Amino acid sequence: MNETHDSLAAETAPADEHAAHDVAKHIRGYLMVGATLLTFTAITVFLSYVNFGTQKANIAVAMLVATFKACLVAAIFMHLSSEKRMIYRILIFTFFFVFGLFWLTYLAWYDPITR
C-alpha cells in the first residue's frame, strides 16, 4: 500500500509544480496590469491639468485614456481575451450601442434649439 501511495505522490508532484507555476504566471500578469492601470490613472490625473484648447478636446483625451483602461480591465480581469466567438458578437453590439450614445451626446452639444 505504501508503494502505491508513494507512486501517486510522485505522479502528482510535477502537476502541482506546474499548476503553481501557472498560478504564479497569472498573478504576475495581474500585477503588471494593475501597475499599468495605476500608471494610466496617474497619466489621467496629469492630463486633467493640461489644457488642450477646448473643453471638448479635454473630454476627448480623458475618454480615450478611460477607454484604454476599460478595455484592459475587460480583456484581462474579466477574462474576455480567452472567450469564444459569441462573446465578441455581444461586445461588438455593446460597442456600437455605446458609440451611439456618445454620438447622441456629441450631437446634443451642437443642437441649435437648445442654444
N, C-alpha and C. Protein backbone atom coordinates (compact mmCIF):
# COMPACT_ATOMS: atom_id res chain seq x y z
N MET A 1 0.82 -1.19 0.00
CA MET A 1 0.00 0.00 0.00
C MET A 1 0.87 1.25 0.00
N ASN A 2 2.00 1.23 0.67
CA ASN A 2 2.89 2.38 0.68
C ASN A 2 3.48 2.63 -0.69
N GLU A 3 3.71 1.55 -1.45
CA GLU A 3 4.29 1.72 -2.78
C GLU A 3 3.34 2.47 -3.70
N THR A 4 2.05 2.15 -3.64
CA THR A 4 1.10 2.85 -4.50
C THR A 4 0.92 4.29 -4.05
N HIS A 5 0.93 4.52 -2.74
CA HIS A 5 0.81 5.88 -2.24
C HIS A 5 2.02 6.72 -2.64
N ASP A 6 3.22 6.13 -2.55
CA ASP A 6 4.43 6.85 -2.96
C ASP A 6 4.43 7.12 -4.46
N SER A 7 3.96 6.16 -5.26
CA SER A 7 3.93 6.38 -6.70
C SER A 7 2.91 7.44 -7.08
N LEU A 8 1.78 7.48 -6.36
CA LEU A 8 0.78 8.52 -6.60
C LEU A 8 1.35 9.89 -6.25
N ALA A 9 2.06 9.97 -5.14
CA ALA A 9 2.65 11.25 -4.75
C ALA A 9 3.69 11.69 -5.76
N ALA A 10 4.43 10.75 -6.30
CA ALA A 10 5.46 11.09 -7.29
C ALA A 10 4.82 11.56 -8.60
N GLU A 11 3.66 10.96 -8.94
CA GLU A 11 3.00 11.36 -10.19
C GLU A 11 2.35 12.73 -10.09
N THR A 12 1.82 13.08 -8.93
CA THR A 12 1.11 14.36 -8.80
C THR A 12 2.04 15.51 -8.49
N ALA A 13 3.24 15.25 -8.05
CA ALA A 13 4.16 16.33 -7.70
C ALA A 13 4.49 17.23 -8.89
N PRO A 14 4.83 16.69 -10.07
CA PRO A 14 5.10 17.61 -11.19
C PRO A 14 3.87 18.41 -11.61
N ALA A 15 2.70 17.81 -11.52
CA ALA A 15 1.48 18.54 -11.88
C ALA A 15 1.24 19.68 -10.91
N ASP A 16 1.51 19.46 -9.62
CA ASP A 16 1.34 20.52 -8.65
C ASP A 16 2.33 21.64 -8.88
N GLU A 17 3.57 21.29 -9.22
CA GLU A 17 4.57 22.31 -9.51
C GLU A 17 4.18 23.09 -10.76
N HIS A 18 3.64 22.38 -11.76
CA HIS A 18 3.20 23.04 -12.99
C HIS A 18 2.03 23.97 -12.70
N ALA A 19 1.09 23.50 -11.86
CA ALA A 19 -0.06 24.34 -11.51
C ALA A 19 0.39 25.57 -10.73
N ALA A 20 1.34 25.39 -9.82
CA ALA A 20 1.84 26.52 -9.05
C ALA A 20 2.55 27.51 -9.97
N HIS A 21 3.25 27.00 -10.97
CA HIS A 21 3.93 27.88 -11.93
C HIS A 21 2.90 28.67 -12.72
N ASP A 22 1.78 28.01 -13.14
CA ASP A 22 0.74 28.72 -13.88
C ASP A 22 0.09 29.80 -13.04
N VAL A 23 -0.16 29.50 -11.75
CA VAL A 23 -0.76 30.49 -10.87
C VAL A 23 0.18 31.68 -10.70
N ALA A 24 1.46 31.40 -10.51
CA ALA A 24 2.43 32.49 -10.37
C ALA A 24 2.49 33.33 -11.64
N LYS A 25 2.38 32.67 -12.78
CA LYS A 25 2.39 33.39 -14.06
C LYS A 25 1.17 34.32 -14.17
N HIS A 26 0.00 33.82 -13.77
CA HIS A 26 -1.21 34.64 -13.83
C HIS A 26 -1.14 35.80 -12.84
N ILE A 27 -0.63 35.52 -11.65
CA ILE A 27 -0.52 36.59 -10.65
C ILE A 27 0.42 37.68 -11.15
N ARG A 28 1.53 37.28 -11.75
CA ARG A 28 2.47 38.27 -12.29
C ARG A 28 1.79 39.10 -13.38
N GLY A 29 0.98 38.47 -14.22
CA GLY A 29 0.25 39.21 -15.26
C GLY A 29 -0.75 40.18 -14.66
N TYR A 30 -1.47 39.73 -13.61
CA TYR A 30 -2.43 40.61 -12.97
C TYR A 30 -1.74 41.80 -12.30
N LEU A 31 -0.59 41.54 -11.69
CA LEU A 31 0.15 42.64 -11.08
C LEU A 31 0.65 43.63 -12.13
N MET A 32 1.06 43.13 -13.27
CA MET A 32 1.51 44.03 -14.35
C MET A 32 0.35 44.87 -14.87
N VAL A 33 -0.81 44.26 -15.02
CA VAL A 33 -1.98 45.01 -15.48
C VAL A 33 -2.39 46.03 -14.42
N GLY A 34 -2.33 45.64 -13.15
CA GLY A 34 -2.64 46.59 -12.07
C GLY A 34 -1.68 47.77 -12.07
N ALA A 35 -0.39 47.49 -12.29
CA ALA A 35 0.59 48.57 -12.36
C ALA A 35 0.32 49.47 -13.57
N THR A 36 -0.08 48.87 -14.68
CA THR A 36 -0.41 49.66 -15.87
C THR A 36 -1.62 50.55 -15.60
N LEU A 37 -2.63 50.01 -14.91
CA LEU A 37 -3.81 50.81 -14.58
C LEU A 37 -3.45 51.96 -13.64
N LEU A 38 -2.59 51.70 -12.67
CA LEU A 38 -2.16 52.77 -11.77
C LEU A 38 -1.38 53.84 -12.54
N THR A 39 -0.55 53.40 -13.47
CA THR A 39 0.22 54.35 -14.29
C THR A 39 -0.71 55.22 -15.12
N PHE A 40 -1.70 54.59 -15.75
CA PHE A 40 -2.62 55.37 -16.58
C PHE A 40 -3.56 56.23 -15.75
N THR A 41 -3.81 55.84 -14.51
CA THR A 41 -4.56 56.72 -13.61
C THR A 41 -3.75 57.96 -13.31
N ALA A 42 -2.45 57.79 -13.07
CA ALA A 42 -1.58 58.95 -12.86
C ALA A 42 -1.52 59.81 -14.11
N ILE A 43 -1.48 59.18 -15.27
CA ILE A 43 -1.49 59.94 -16.53
C ILE A 43 -2.79 60.72 -16.68
N THR A 44 -3.91 60.10 -16.29
CA THR A 44 -5.20 60.78 -16.35
C THR A 44 -5.21 62.01 -15.45
N VAL A 45 -4.68 61.86 -14.24
CA VAL A 45 -4.62 63.00 -13.31
C VAL A 45 -3.72 64.09 -13.89
N PHE A 46 -2.58 63.71 -14.45
CA PHE A 46 -1.68 64.69 -15.06
C PHE A 46 -2.37 65.41 -16.21
N LEU A 47 -3.05 64.65 -17.07
CA LEU A 47 -3.70 65.26 -18.24
C LEU A 47 -4.87 66.15 -17.85
N SER A 48 -5.42 65.95 -16.65
CA SER A 48 -6.53 66.82 -16.24
C SER A 48 -6.06 68.25 -16.00
N TYR A 49 -4.75 68.44 -15.78
CA TYR A 49 -4.20 69.78 -15.58
C TYR A 49 -3.71 70.40 -16.89
N VAL A 50 -3.71 69.64 -17.97
CA VAL A 50 -3.25 70.14 -19.27
C VAL A 50 -4.46 70.70 -20.02
N ASN A 51 -4.28 71.86 -20.60
CA ASN A 51 -5.35 72.47 -21.40
C ASN A 51 -5.10 72.14 -22.87
N PHE A 52 -6.01 71.42 -23.48
CA PHE A 52 -5.87 71.04 -24.88
C PHE A 52 -6.58 72.01 -25.82
N GLY A 53 -6.95 73.16 -25.33
CA GLY A 53 -7.57 74.18 -26.18
C GLY A 53 -9.02 74.38 -25.88
N THR A 54 -9.79 73.32 -25.89
CA THR A 54 -11.22 73.41 -25.60
C THR A 54 -11.59 72.35 -24.58
N GLN A 55 -12.73 72.57 -23.98
CA GLN A 55 -13.22 71.58 -23.02
C GLN A 55 -13.54 70.26 -23.72
N LYS A 56 -14.00 70.34 -24.95
CA LYS A 56 -14.33 69.13 -25.71
C LYS A 56 -13.09 68.31 -26.00
N ALA A 57 -11.98 68.97 -26.29
CA ALA A 57 -10.73 68.25 -26.53
C ALA A 57 -10.25 67.59 -25.24
N ASN A 58 -10.40 68.29 -24.12
CA ASN A 58 -10.03 67.71 -22.83
C ASN A 58 -10.86 66.47 -22.53
N ILE A 59 -12.14 66.54 -22.81
CA ILE A 59 -13.02 65.40 -22.58
C ILE A 59 -12.66 64.25 -23.51
N ALA A 60 -12.34 64.57 -24.76
CA ALA A 60 -11.97 63.52 -25.72
C ALA A 60 -10.70 62.80 -25.28
N VAL A 61 -9.72 63.54 -24.78
CA VAL A 61 -8.48 62.90 -24.31
C VAL A 61 -8.77 62.05 -23.08
N ALA A 62 -9.58 62.55 -22.17
CA ALA A 62 -9.92 61.79 -20.97
C ALA A 62 -10.69 60.51 -21.34
N MET A 63 -11.58 60.60 -22.31
CA MET A 63 -12.34 59.43 -22.74
C MET A 63 -11.44 58.41 -23.44
N LEU A 64 -10.45 58.89 -24.16
CA LEU A 64 -9.51 57.99 -24.82
C LEU A 64 -8.71 57.17 -23.80
N VAL A 65 -8.21 57.84 -22.77
CA VAL A 65 -7.46 57.14 -21.73
C VAL A 65 -8.38 56.19 -20.96
N ALA A 66 -9.59 56.64 -20.65
CA ALA A 66 -10.54 55.80 -19.93
C ALA A 66 -10.95 54.58 -20.75
N THR A 67 -11.08 54.74 -22.05
CA THR A 67 -11.43 53.61 -22.92
C THR A 67 -10.31 52.58 -22.93
N PHE A 68 -9.06 53.04 -22.98
CA PHE A 68 -7.94 52.11 -22.94
C PHE A 68 -7.94 51.33 -21.63
N LYS A 69 -8.16 52.02 -20.52
CA LYS A 69 -8.17 51.35 -19.23
C LYS A 69 -9.33 50.37 -19.12
N ALA A 70 -10.50 50.74 -19.64
CA ALA A 70 -11.66 49.85 -19.60
C ALA A 70 -11.43 48.60 -20.46
N CYS A 71 -10.81 48.77 -21.61
CA CYS A 71 -10.50 47.61 -22.47
C CYS A 71 -9.50 46.68 -21.80
N LEU A 72 -8.54 47.26 -21.11
CA LEU A 72 -7.56 46.46 -20.40
C LEU A 72 -8.21 45.66 -19.27
N VAL A 73 -9.09 46.30 -18.52
CA VAL A 73 -9.80 45.60 -17.45
C VAL A 73 -10.69 44.50 -18.02
N ALA A 74 -11.40 44.80 -19.09
CA ALA A 74 -12.29 43.79 -19.68
C ALA A 74 -11.51 42.62 -20.24
N ALA A 75 -10.40 42.88 -20.89
CA ALA A 75 -9.64 41.81 -21.51
C ALA A 75 -8.94 40.93 -20.49
N ILE A 76 -8.39 41.51 -19.45
CA ILE A 76 -7.58 40.73 -18.52
C ILE A 76 -8.38 40.30 -17.30
N PHE A 77 -8.95 41.22 -16.55
CA PHE A 77 -9.61 40.87 -15.31
C PHE A 77 -10.94 40.16 -15.53
N MET A 78 -11.62 40.47 -16.62
CA MET A 78 -12.88 39.80 -16.92
C MET A 78 -12.66 38.60 -17.85
N HIS A 79 -11.42 38.30 -18.18
CA HIS A 79 -11.01 37.14 -18.97
C HIS A 79 -11.67 37.11 -20.35
N LEU A 80 -11.89 38.26 -20.94
CA LEU A 80 -12.50 38.29 -22.26
C LEU A 80 -11.50 38.00 -23.36
N SER A 81 -10.22 38.03 -23.05
CA SER A 81 -9.21 37.74 -24.06
C SER A 81 -9.19 36.27 -24.45
N SER A 82 -9.83 35.41 -23.65
CA SER A 82 -9.85 33.97 -23.96
C SER A 82 -11.26 33.46 -24.19
N GLU A 83 -12.17 34.32 -24.53
CA GLU A 83 -13.56 33.90 -24.72
C GLU A 83 -13.82 33.38 -26.13
N LYS A 84 -14.99 32.83 -26.28
CA LYS A 84 -15.42 32.28 -27.57
C LYS A 84 -15.99 33.37 -28.46
N ARG A 85 -16.39 32.98 -29.63
CA ARG A 85 -16.86 33.90 -30.66
C ARG A 85 -18.15 34.64 -30.26
N MET A 86 -19.05 33.99 -29.55
CA MET A 86 -20.33 34.61 -29.20
C MET A 86 -20.15 35.85 -28.34
N ILE A 87 -19.20 35.81 -27.43
CA ILE A 87 -19.00 36.97 -26.55
C ILE A 87 -18.51 38.16 -27.37
N TYR A 88 -17.74 37.91 -28.42
CA TYR A 88 -17.28 39.02 -29.25
C TYR A 88 -18.42 39.63 -30.04
N ARG A 89 -19.38 38.84 -30.44
CA ARG A 89 -20.56 39.40 -31.11
C ARG A 89 -21.33 40.32 -30.16
N ILE A 90 -21.48 39.89 -28.92
CA ILE A 90 -22.16 40.71 -27.93
C ILE A 90 -21.36 41.98 -27.65
N LEU A 91 -20.04 41.86 -27.56
CA LEU A 91 -19.21 43.03 -27.31
C LEU A 91 -19.26 44.02 -28.46
N ILE A 92 -19.30 43.53 -29.68
CA ILE A 92 -19.39 44.43 -30.84
C ILE A 92 -20.71 45.20 -30.80
N PHE A 93 -21.81 44.51 -30.48
CA PHE A 93 -23.10 45.18 -30.34
C PHE A 93 -23.03 46.24 -29.24
N THR A 94 -22.42 45.88 -28.11
CA THR A 94 -22.29 46.82 -27.00
C THR A 94 -21.45 48.02 -27.40
N PHE A 95 -20.37 47.78 -28.14
CA PHE A 95 -19.52 48.88 -28.60
C PHE A 95 -20.32 49.85 -29.47
N PHE A 96 -21.10 49.33 -30.41
CA PHE A 96 -21.87 50.21 -31.28
C PHE A 96 -22.95 50.96 -30.48
N PHE A 97 -23.53 50.31 -29.48
CA PHE A 97 -24.53 50.97 -28.65
C PHE A 97 -23.89 52.12 -27.88
N VAL A 98 -22.74 51.87 -27.26
CA VAL A 98 -22.04 52.93 -26.51
C VAL A 98 -21.59 54.04 -27.46
N PHE A 99 -21.08 53.67 -28.62
CA PHE A 99 -20.69 54.67 -29.61
C PHE A 99 -21.89 55.53 -30.00
N GLY A 100 -23.06 54.90 -30.16
CA GLY A 100 -24.27 55.65 -30.47
C GLY A 100 -24.65 56.63 -29.37
N LEU A 101 -24.48 56.21 -28.12
CA LEU A 101 -24.76 57.12 -27.02
C LEU A 101 -23.79 58.29 -26.99
N PHE A 102 -22.51 58.00 -27.26
CA PHE A 102 -21.54 59.09 -27.34
C PHE A 102 -21.88 60.03 -28.49
N TRP A 103 -22.32 59.46 -29.60
CA TRP A 103 -22.67 60.28 -30.76
C TRP A 103 -23.87 61.17 -30.44
N LEU A 104 -24.86 60.65 -29.73
CA LEU A 104 -26.00 61.47 -29.34
C LEU A 104 -25.57 62.61 -28.41
N THR A 105 -24.64 62.33 -27.52
CA THR A 105 -24.12 63.39 -26.65
C THR A 105 -23.41 64.45 -27.47
N TYR A 106 -22.63 64.02 -28.43
CA TYR A 106 -21.93 64.95 -29.32
C TYR A 106 -22.93 65.81 -30.09
N LEU A 107 -23.98 65.20 -30.61
CA LEU A 107 -25.00 65.96 -31.35
C LEU A 107 -25.73 66.93 -30.44
N ALA A 108 -25.92 66.57 -29.18
CA ALA A 108 -26.61 67.46 -28.25
C ALA A 108 -25.79 68.72 -27.98
N TRP A 109 -24.47 68.64 -28.09
CA TRP A 109 -23.63 69.82 -27.90
C TRP A 109 -23.88 70.85 -29.00
N TYR A 110 -24.22 70.39 -30.18
CA TYR A 110 -24.41 71.30 -31.32
C TYR A 110 -25.87 71.47 -31.70
N ASP A 111 -26.78 71.17 -30.81
CA ASP A 111 -28.19 71.31 -31.09
C ASP A 111 -28.56 72.80 -31.12
N PRO A 112 -29.04 73.31 -32.26
CA PRO A 112 -29.33 74.75 -32.35
C PRO A 112 -30.57 75.13 -31.53
N ILE A 113 -31.43 74.19 -31.20
CA ILE A 113 -32.65 74.51 -30.47
C ILE A 113 -32.33 74.89 -29.02
N THR A 114 -31.39 74.17 -28.42
CA THR A 114 -31.08 74.44 -27.01
C THR A 114 -30.14 75.62 -26.83
N ARG A 115 -29.60 76.15 -27.87
CA ARG A 115 -28.65 77.27 -27.73
C ARG A 115 -29.35 78.57 -27.69
